[in-house]
Amino acid sequence: MDKSNLLIIIASVSIFISVLLAVFLLTVKTRHRVSNVLFAVFLILNAIDICDPLFYGMEGGPSNLGMFKNMFVFLQIPVFYLYVLSVCYSDFKLKPQHLLHVLPFIITNLTLVPRFYGVDTASKIFFIENRQNMIELKFNHILLHVQMIIYFVAVFRVLRKSKTLYLENYAGKSISSYNWLFQFTVILCIVYSIALLKNILKFSEYVHISEEIKAGLLLLSLFIICWYLFKALNHPELFRNVDSKLKLVSELVSEEKGNEESAVSDIEYNEKLLRLKNYMTEKKSFLNSSLTIQDVSGEIEIPVRELSLLINHQLGQHFYDFVNTYRIENAMNMLKDETKSKVTILEILYEVGFNSKSSFNTAFKKHTGTTPTLYRKNL
């Protein structure tokens, strides 16, 4: 089997899986409709991008459709950025201003009108054969690389902020879903960085190396799509969204410093702290696996803003870790209880408010320095 046939097979499999997953995302009934649609669009754009071996096998030469197809790459990262926003924030909605993300795509196509889209086939062939000297293609490649850098920086900032907001306001599911999305973004960043190198070599004397890298990227795309499909099937509920209107504690602290009248006395601070601790020990609200800082605020009648500053800033703990401390202490007492020696660790973790073994083990080891199993054995 020659190289061209192999690439056609790889491209065909990748496109089939991408389209299949996109159709599933578009048809499945879920409350995460916007997220599903955005990722389906991302998969379709990816399928369009990797169909070169199939497309050029059918096209006799350069064409407007072929060039237009290549320009869809300018939509991939913006769509992925919007997807990340939609899975991180529960109140995310597509708005007219999001159409601004389409501007690079429009600009790049407009630059190609005079000397490619609007000329005959012979001129198109000349344009492609001399692509290394064509200012339009150089401009488009520079714009693409600048776009990649800006959007990936924006995505990592969104992930960092949403993860921090979750830790400061929620004590439910583990943050493994955010870690997974971070990993997926890092892998995409690596892939696009390799693509950047490929594009640079495309305008040098090492065009043959550029083609080899292109073949490798095609194969890598197949593995990434399969990996995502595996994750999606095994973890259908990957994310727990946060409210984008929430403020980071660092922002609240800055606002407090600018407002001298909001300073809290030691007596008031100690009174609120005592109220909070009494509530946690007496009501045992930490047993609620989906507990939020808003829930606690309503019960002890301390405004969310003040409670957030109390826990996340003055106590020096994220709300997530603060609640887990009570859960772990309760779990330790159960592990010490001889009458519960036959109760499994899995049963204990669910009883104290955790909803996954991995998050329980991580929190337990962070609190005690050992695993639940070893802790029970060493008693």
Protein backbone atom coordinates (compact mmCIF):
# COMPACT_ATOMS: atom_id res chain seq x y z
CA MET A 1 0.00 0.00 0.00
CA ASP A 2 1.50 3.35 -1.04
CA LYS A 3 1.57 6.45 1.11
CA SER A 4 -1.27 8.27 -0.66
CA ASN A 5 -3.69 5.35 -0.19
CA LEU A 6 -2.73 5.08 3.48
CA LEU A 7 -3.44 8.78 4.01
CA ILE A 8 -6.81 8.41 2.28
CA ILE A 9 -7.73 5.54 4.63
CA ILE A 10 -6.64 7.47 7.75
CA ALA A 11 -8.49 10.59 6.59
CA SER A 12 -11.63 8.57 5.83
CA VAL A 13 -11.65 6.94 9.27
CA SER A 14 -11.04 10.28 11.03
CA ILE A 15 -13.80 12.00 9.07
CA PHE A 16 -16.23 9.14 9.73
CA ILE A 17 -15.62 9.21 13.49
CA SER A 18 -15.79 13.03 13.61
CA VAL A 19 -19.05 13.19 11.69
CA LEU A 20 -20.54 10.29 13.68
CA LEU A 21 -19.73 11.97 17.01
CA ALA A 22 -20.98 15.32 15.67
CA VAL A 23 -24.32 13.78 14.67
CA PHE A 24 -24.61 12.17 18.10
CA LEU A 25 -23.93 15.50 19.85
CA LEU A 26 -26.48 17.29 17.69
CA THR A 27 -29.25 14.73 18.23
CA VAL A 28 -28.82 13.63 21.85
CA LYS A 29 -31.24 15.20 24.34
CA THR A 30 -29.35 17.02 27.07
CA ARG A 31 -29.36 20.25 29.03
CA HIS A 32 -25.87 20.96 27.66
CA ARG A 33 -27.30 21.71 24.22
CA VAL A 34 -25.12 24.74 23.41
CA SER A 35 -21.92 22.91 24.42
CA ASN A 36 -22.84 19.92 22.30
CA VAL A 37 -23.61 22.05 19.25
CA LEU A 38 -20.35 23.99 19.55
CA PHE A 39 -18.24 20.87 19.86
CA ALA A 40 -20.12 19.25 16.98
CA VAL A 41 -19.26 22.28 14.85
CA PHE A 42 -15.62 21.98 15.97
CA LEU A 43 -15.58 18.32 14.91
CA ILE A 44 -17.13 19.13 11.53
CA LEU A 45 -14.56 21.89 10.95
CA ASN A 46 -11.84 19.42 11.87
CA ALA A 47 -13.30 16.89 9.40
CA ILE A 48 -13.23 19.54 6.67
CA ASP A 49 -9.61 20.36 7.50
CA ILE A 50 -8.37 16.76 7.32
CA CYS A 51 -10.19 15.79 4.14
CA ASP A 52 -7.33 17.02 1.90
CA PRO A 53 -6.28 13.54 0.68
CA LEU A 54 -9.87 12.82 -0.37
CA PHE A 55 -10.64 16.27 -1.74
CA TYR A 56 -7.55 16.69 -3.87
CA GLY A 57 -7.96 13.18 -5.19
CA MET A 58 -11.25 14.30 -6.73
CA GLU A 59 -10.19 17.82 -7.76
CA GLY A 60 -8.08 18.15 -10.88
CA GLY A 61 -6.29 21.29 -9.68
CA PRO A 62 -6.63 24.42 -7.55
CA SER A 63 -10.18 25.70 -7.20
CA ASN A 64 -12.17 28.28 -5.29
CA LEU A 65 -13.87 25.53 -3.30
CA GLY A 66 -10.54 24.00 -2.33
CA MET A 67 -9.11 27.30 -1.13
CA PHE A 68 -12.34 28.21 0.67
CA LYS A 69 -12.19 24.82 2.42
CA ASN A 70 -8.67 25.59 3.66
CA MET A 71 -9.80 28.88 5.16
CA PHE A 72 -12.20 27.10 7.55
CA VAL A 73 -9.17 26.54 9.79
CA PHE A 74 -9.69 30.15 10.96
CA LEU A 75 -12.96 29.06 12.59
CA GLN A 76 -11.64 26.05 14.51
CA ILE A 77 -9.98 27.76 17.48
CA PRO A 78 -12.69 30.44 17.95
CA VAL A 79 -15.35 27.69 18.05
CA PHE A 80 -13.26 25.70 20.54
CA TYR A 81 -12.90 28.82 22.70
CA LEU A 82 -16.68 29.30 22.74
CA TYR A 83 -17.07 25.60 23.57
CA VAL A 84 -14.79 25.98 26.61
CA LEU A 85 -16.81 28.99 27.77
CA SER A 86 -20.04 27.02 27.42
CA VAL A 87 -18.85 24.06 29.50
CA CYS A 88 -17.24 26.22 32.17
CA TYR A 89 -20.13 28.65 32.72
CA SER A 90 -23.71 27.52 33.27
CA ASP A 91 -25.19 30.84 32.13
CA PHE A 92 -23.31 30.99 28.82
CA LYS A 93 -25.42 31.91 25.79
CA LEU A 94 -24.50 32.58 22.20
CA LYS A 95 -24.90 36.29 21.49
CA PRO A 96 -24.67 38.48 18.35
CA GLN A 97 -21.28 39.83 19.49
CA HIS A 98 -19.84 36.33 19.23
CA LEU A 99 -20.01 36.78 15.45
CA LEU A 100 -16.89 38.93 15.82
CA HIS A 101 -14.96 35.67 16.07
CA VAL A 102 -15.73 35.12 12.39
CA LEU A 103 -13.81 38.26 11.33
CA PRO A 104 -10.42 36.54 10.68
CA PHE A 105 -12.20 34.02 8.43
CA ILE A 106 -13.85 36.83 6.46
CA ILE A 107 -10.65 38.90 6.21
CA THR A 108 -8.55 36.01 4.91
CA ASN A 109 -11.09 35.18 2.22
CA LEU A 110 -11.32 38.81 1.13
CA THR A 111 -7.54 38.99 0.66
CA LEU A 112 -7.77 36.10 -1.80
CA VAL A 113 -10.46 37.63 -4.02
CA PRO A 114 -8.23 39.71 -6.38
CA ARG A 115 -5.57 37.13 -7.26
CA PHE A 116 -7.25 33.79 -6.60
CA TYR A 117 -11.04 33.69 -6.28
CA GLY A 118 -11.57 36.21 -9.08
CA VAL A 119 -9.16 34.81 -11.71
CA ASP A 120 -9.11 31.93 -14.20
CA THR A 121 -7.71 28.42 -13.62
CA ALA A 122 -4.31 29.19 -15.19
CA SER A 123 -3.82 32.14 -12.82
CA LYS A 124 -4.87 29.95 -9.87
CA ILE A 125 -2.24 27.37 -10.83
CA PHE A 126 0.41 30.09 -11.06
CA PHE A 127 -0.67 31.43 -7.65
CA ILE A 128 -0.29 28.00 -5.99
CA GLU A 129 3.00 27.15 -7.72
CA ASN A 130 4.45 30.45 -6.51
CA ARG A 131 2.78 30.40 -3.10
CA GLN A 132 6.08 31.08 -1.33
CA ASN A 133 6.11 34.55 -2.89
CA MET A 134 2.43 35.35 -2.52
CA ILE A 135 1.89 38.08 0.07
CA GLU A 136 -1.74 37.02 0.61
CA LEU A 137 -0.78 33.53 1.78
CA LYS A 138 2.03 34.86 3.97
CA PHE A 139 -0.38 37.34 5.57
CA ASN A 140 -2.97 34.61 6.15
CA HIS A 141 -0.44 32.29 7.77
CA ILE A 142 0.83 35.03 10.07
CA LEU A 143 -2.75 35.93 11.01
CA LEU A 144 -3.52 32.26 11.70
CA HIS A 145 -0.56 31.89 14.04
CA VAL A 146 -1.38 35.11 15.89
CA GLN A 147 -4.96 33.91 16.23
CA MET A 148 -3.80 30.58 17.68
CA ILE A 149 -1.66 32.25 20.33
CA ILE A 150 -4.38 34.72 21.37
CA TYR A 151 -7.12 32.10 21.61
CA PHE A 152 -5.08 29.48 23.43
CA VAL A 153 -4.00 32.07 26.01
CA ALA A 154 -7.67 33.04 26.38
CA VAL A 155 -8.73 29.39 26.80
CA PHE A 156 -6.15 28.72 29.52
CA ARG A 157 -7.24 31.90 31.34
CA VAL A 158 -10.89 30.78 31.22
CA LEU A 159 -9.98 27.33 32.55
CA ARG A 160 -7.90 28.74 35.40
CA LYS A 161 -10.56 31.24 36.44
CA SER A 162 -13.49 28.78 36.25
CA LYS A 163 -11.57 26.16 38.22
CA THR A 164 -10.77 28.71 40.93
CA LEU A 165 -14.39 29.88 41.02
CA TYR A 166 -15.51 26.29 41.43
CA LEU A 167 -13.11 25.65 44.30
CA GLU A 168 -14.19 28.87 46.01
CA ASN A 169 -17.95 28.29 45.71
CA TYR A 170 -18.73 24.57 45.29
CA ALA A 171 -18.02 21.34 47.12
CA GLY A 172 -19.67 18.79 44.85
CA LYS A 173 -18.01 16.88 42.07
CA SER A 174 -14.25 16.60 41.79
CA ILE A 175 -12.24 18.94 39.60
CA SER A 176 -11.03 16.06 37.43
CA SER A 177 -13.30 17.27 34.64
CA TYR A 178 -11.46 20.59 34.51
CA ASN A 179 -8.17 18.76 34.57
CA TRP A 180 -9.33 16.66 31.65
CA LEU A 181 -10.34 19.71 29.60
CA PHE A 182 -6.98 21.28 30.45
CA GLN A 183 -5.22 18.16 29.15
CA PHE A 184 -7.31 18.21 25.99
CA THR A 185 -6.45 21.88 25.44
CA VAL A 186 -2.73 21.20 25.97
CA ILE A 187 -2.85 18.41 23.38
CA LEU A 188 -4.63 20.68 20.90
CA CYS A 189 -2.04 23.37 21.60
CA ILE A 190 0.74 20.90 20.79
CA VAL A 191 -1.00 19.81 17.59
CA TYR A 192 -1.47 23.38 16.41
CA SER A 193 2.14 24.18 17.32
CA ILE A 194 3.28 21.32 15.10
CA ALA A 195 0.96 22.65 12.40
CA LEU A 196 2.61 26.06 12.84
CA LEU A 197 6.01 24.47 12.20
CA LYS A 198 4.59 22.74 9.15
CA ASN A 199 3.36 26.05 7.76
CA ILE A 200 6.71 27.73 8.35
CA LEU A 201 8.52 24.95 6.48
CA LYS A 202 5.93 25.26 3.71
CA PHE A 203 7.42 28.66 2.86
CA SER A 204 11.01 27.44 2.97
CA GLU A 205 13.19 25.10 0.97
CA TYR A 206 12.08 22.19 3.18
CA VAL A 207 8.65 21.72 1.62
CA HIS A 208 9.08 17.92 1.66
CA ILE A 209 9.44 17.97 5.46
CA SER A 210 6.26 20.02 5.66
CA GLU A 211 4.41 17.29 3.75
CA GLU A 212 5.76 14.60 6.10
CA ILE A 213 4.58 16.56 9.13
CA LYS A 214 1.19 16.98 7.49
CA ALA A 215 0.86 13.20 7.21
CA GLY A 216 1.83 12.79 10.86
CA LEU A 217 -0.73 15.36 11.96
CA LEU A 218 -3.42 13.47 10.07
CA LEU A 219 -2.62 10.32 12.02
CA LEU A 220 -2.40 12.24 15.30
CA SER A 221 -5.83 13.78 14.69
CA LEU A 222 -7.31 10.29 14.43
CA PHE A 223 -5.92 9.28 17.84
CA ILE A 224 -7.14 12.52 19.47
CA ILE A 225 -10.66 12.07 18.12
CA CYS A 226 -10.74 8.45 19.32
CA TRP A 227 -9.46 9.53 22.73
CA TYR A 228 -12.17 12.18 23.04
CA LEU A 229 -14.81 9.65 21.96
CA PHE A 230 -13.58 7.22 24.62
CA LYS A 231 -13.74 9.92 27.30
CA ALA A 232 -17.18 11.10 26.21
CA LEU A 233 -18.64 7.60 26.30
CA ASN A 234 -17.16 6.76 29.71
CA HIS A 235 -17.87 10.15 31.30
CA PRO A 236 -21.08 11.59 29.83
CA GLU A 237 -21.27 14.28 32.52
CA LEU A 238 -17.76 15.71 32.33
CA PHE A 239 -18.43 19.17 33.70
CA ARG A 240 -20.25 21.00 36.40
CA ASN A 241 -20.68 24.59 35.24
CA VAL A 242 -20.20 27.64 37.43
CA ASP A 243 -21.98 30.98 37.28
CA SER A 244 -19.91 33.49 35.28
CA LYS A 245 -21.33 36.31 37.42
CA LEU A 246 -19.40 35.00 40.44
CA LYS A 247 -16.31 36.98 41.39
CA LEU A 248 -12.92 35.59 42.31
CA VAL A 249 -11.92 36.10 45.94
CA SER A 250 -8.88 38.05 44.76
CA GLU A 251 -11.28 40.54 43.12
CA LEU A 252 -13.38 40.74 46.28
CA VAL A 253 -10.29 41.39 48.38
CA SER A 254 -9.23 44.20 46.04
CA GLU A 255 -12.68 45.76 46.35
CA GLU A 256 -12.58 45.44 50.14
CA LYS A 257 -9.22 47.23 50.30
CA GLY A 258 -10.70 50.10 48.33
CA ASN A 259 -13.61 50.39 50.73
CA GLU A 260 -12.46 51.27 54.26
CA GLU A 261 -16.01 51.15 55.62
CA SER A 262 -16.29 47.43 54.87
CA ALA A 263 -13.53 46.46 57.32
CA VAL A 264 -14.65 43.67 59.68
CA SER A 265 -13.71 43.78 63.37
CA ASP A 266 -12.06 40.83 65.10
CA ILE A 267 -15.14 40.33 67.25
CA GLU A 268 -17.45 40.20 64.23
CA TYR A 269 -15.02 37.91 62.40
CA ASN A 270 -14.82 35.46 65.33
CA GLU A 271 -18.62 35.52 65.74
CA LYS A 272 -19.19 34.63 62.08
CA LEU A 273 -16.48 31.97 62.14
CA LEU A 274 -18.03 30.36 65.22
CA ARG A 275 -21.47 30.44 63.57
CA LEU A 276 -20.05 28.76 60.48
CA LYS A 277 -18.20 26.02 62.39
CA ASN A 278 -21.19 25.29 64.63
CA TYR A 279 -23.39 24.98 61.57
CA MET A 280 -20.98 22.54 59.88
CA THR A 281 -20.64 20.31 62.95
CA GLU A 282 -24.27 20.41 64.13
CA LYS A 283 -26.16 20.36 60.83
CA LYS A 284 -23.50 18.26 59.04
CA SER A 285 -24.32 19.97 55.77
CA PHE A 286 -21.08 18.59 54.32
CA LEU A 287 -22.91 15.29 53.87
CA ASN A 288 -24.70 16.96 50.97
CA SER A 289 -22.56 15.97 47.98
CA SER A 290 -23.69 19.01 45.95
CA LEU A 291 -23.25 21.62 48.68
CA THR A 292 -22.52 25.18 47.51
CA ILE A 293 -21.42 28.30 49.33
CA GLN A 294 -24.83 29.79 48.46
CA ASP A 295 -26.52 26.96 50.41
CA VAL A 296 -24.41 27.64 53.52
CA SER A 297 -24.91 31.39 53.18
CA GLY A 298 -28.69 31.00 53.22
CA GLU A 299 -28.62 28.72 56.27
CA ILE A 300 -26.37 30.81 58.53
CA GLU A 301 -27.58 34.18 57.17
CA ILE A 302 -24.16 35.51 56.18
CA PRO A 303 -24.03 37.14 52.72
CA VAL A 304 -22.25 35.05 50.09
CA ARG A 305 -19.66 37.78 49.57
CA GLU A 306 -18.72 37.92 53.27
CA LEU A 307 -18.78 34.14 53.63
CA SER A 308 -16.54 33.72 50.59
CA LEU A 309 -14.01 36.17 52.04
CA LEU A 310 -14.22 34.45 55.42
CA ILE A 311 -13.46 30.97 54.08
CA ASN A 312 -11.38 31.55 50.97
CA HIS A 313 -9.35 34.53 52.18
CA GLN A 314 -9.29 34.76 55.96
CA LEU A 315 -9.18 31.01 56.62
CA GLY A 316 -6.86 30.52 53.65
CA GLN A 317 -8.89 27.61 52.25
CA HIS A 318 -10.99 27.15 49.16
CA PHE A 319 -14.61 26.36 50.03
CA TYR A 320 -14.06 23.00 48.27
CA ASP A 321 -11.18 22.09 50.64
CA PHE A 322 -12.96 23.58 53.66
CA VAL A 323 -15.97 21.29 53.23
CA ASN A 324 -13.80 18.28 52.36
CA THR A 325 -11.95 18.72 55.66
CA TYR A 326 -15.18 17.97 57.54
CA ARG A 327 -15.93 15.06 55.23
CA ILE A 328 -12.48 13.55 55.78
CA GLU A 329 -12.69 14.00 59.57
CA ASN A 330 -16.04 12.21 59.51
CA ALA A 331 -14.59 9.45 57.31
CA MET A 332 -11.62 9.04 59.70
CA ASN A 333 -14.01 8.59 62.63
CA MET A 334 -15.92 5.94 60.70
CA LEU A 335 -12.67 4.13 59.81
CA LYS A 336 -11.69 4.14 63.50
CA ASP A 337 -15.08 2.80 64.60
CA GLU A 338 -14.71 -0.94 65.22
CA THR A 339 -18.45 -1.44 64.84
CA LYS A 340 -18.10 -0.30 61.22
CA SER A 341 -15.12 -2.45 60.33
CA LYS A 342 -17.18 -4.32 57.72
CA VAL A 343 -18.36 -1.11 56.03
CA THR A 344 -16.43 -0.71 52.80
CA ILE A 345 -14.44 2.41 51.97
CA LEU A 346 -16.70 2.94 48.96
CA GLU A 347 -19.75 3.01 51.24
CA ILE A 348 -18.00 5.41 53.62
CA LEU A 349 -17.01 7.91 50.94
CA TYR A 350 -20.58 8.15 49.68
CA GLU A 351 -21.92 8.44 53.20
CA VAL A 352 -19.65 11.40 54.11
CA GLY A 353 -20.53 13.40 50.99
CA PHE A 354 -18.09 12.40 48.26
CA ASN A 355 -19.41 11.10 44.95
CA SER A 356 -16.29 9.55 43.45
CA LYS A 357 -13.51 7.33 44.72
CA SER A 358 -10.78 9.37 43.05
CA SER A 359 -11.82 12.67 44.67
CA PHE A 360 -12.13 10.95 48.07
CA ASN A 361 -8.67 9.35 47.83
CA THR A 362 -7.10 12.62 46.72
CA ALA A 363 -8.71 14.62 49.55
CA PHE A 364 -7.95 11.93 52.15
CA LYS A 365 -4.28 11.74 51.21
CA LYS A 366 -4.01 15.53 51.17
CA HIS A 367 -5.48 15.69 54.69
CA THR A 368 -3.75 12.68 56.29
CA GLY A 369 -0.74 11.93 54.10
CA THR A 370 -1.91 8.37 53.48
CA THR A 371 -4.63 6.44 51.66
CA PRO A 372 -7.92 5.37 53.34
CA THR A 373 -6.95 1.69 53.02
CA LEU A 374 -3.56 2.14 54.70
CA TYR A 375 -5.12 4.39 57.36
CA ARG A 376 -7.59 1.66 58.34
CA LYS A 377 -4.85 -1.02 58.36
CA ASN A 378 -2.54 1.04 60.60
CA LEU A 379 -5.16 1.67 63.30
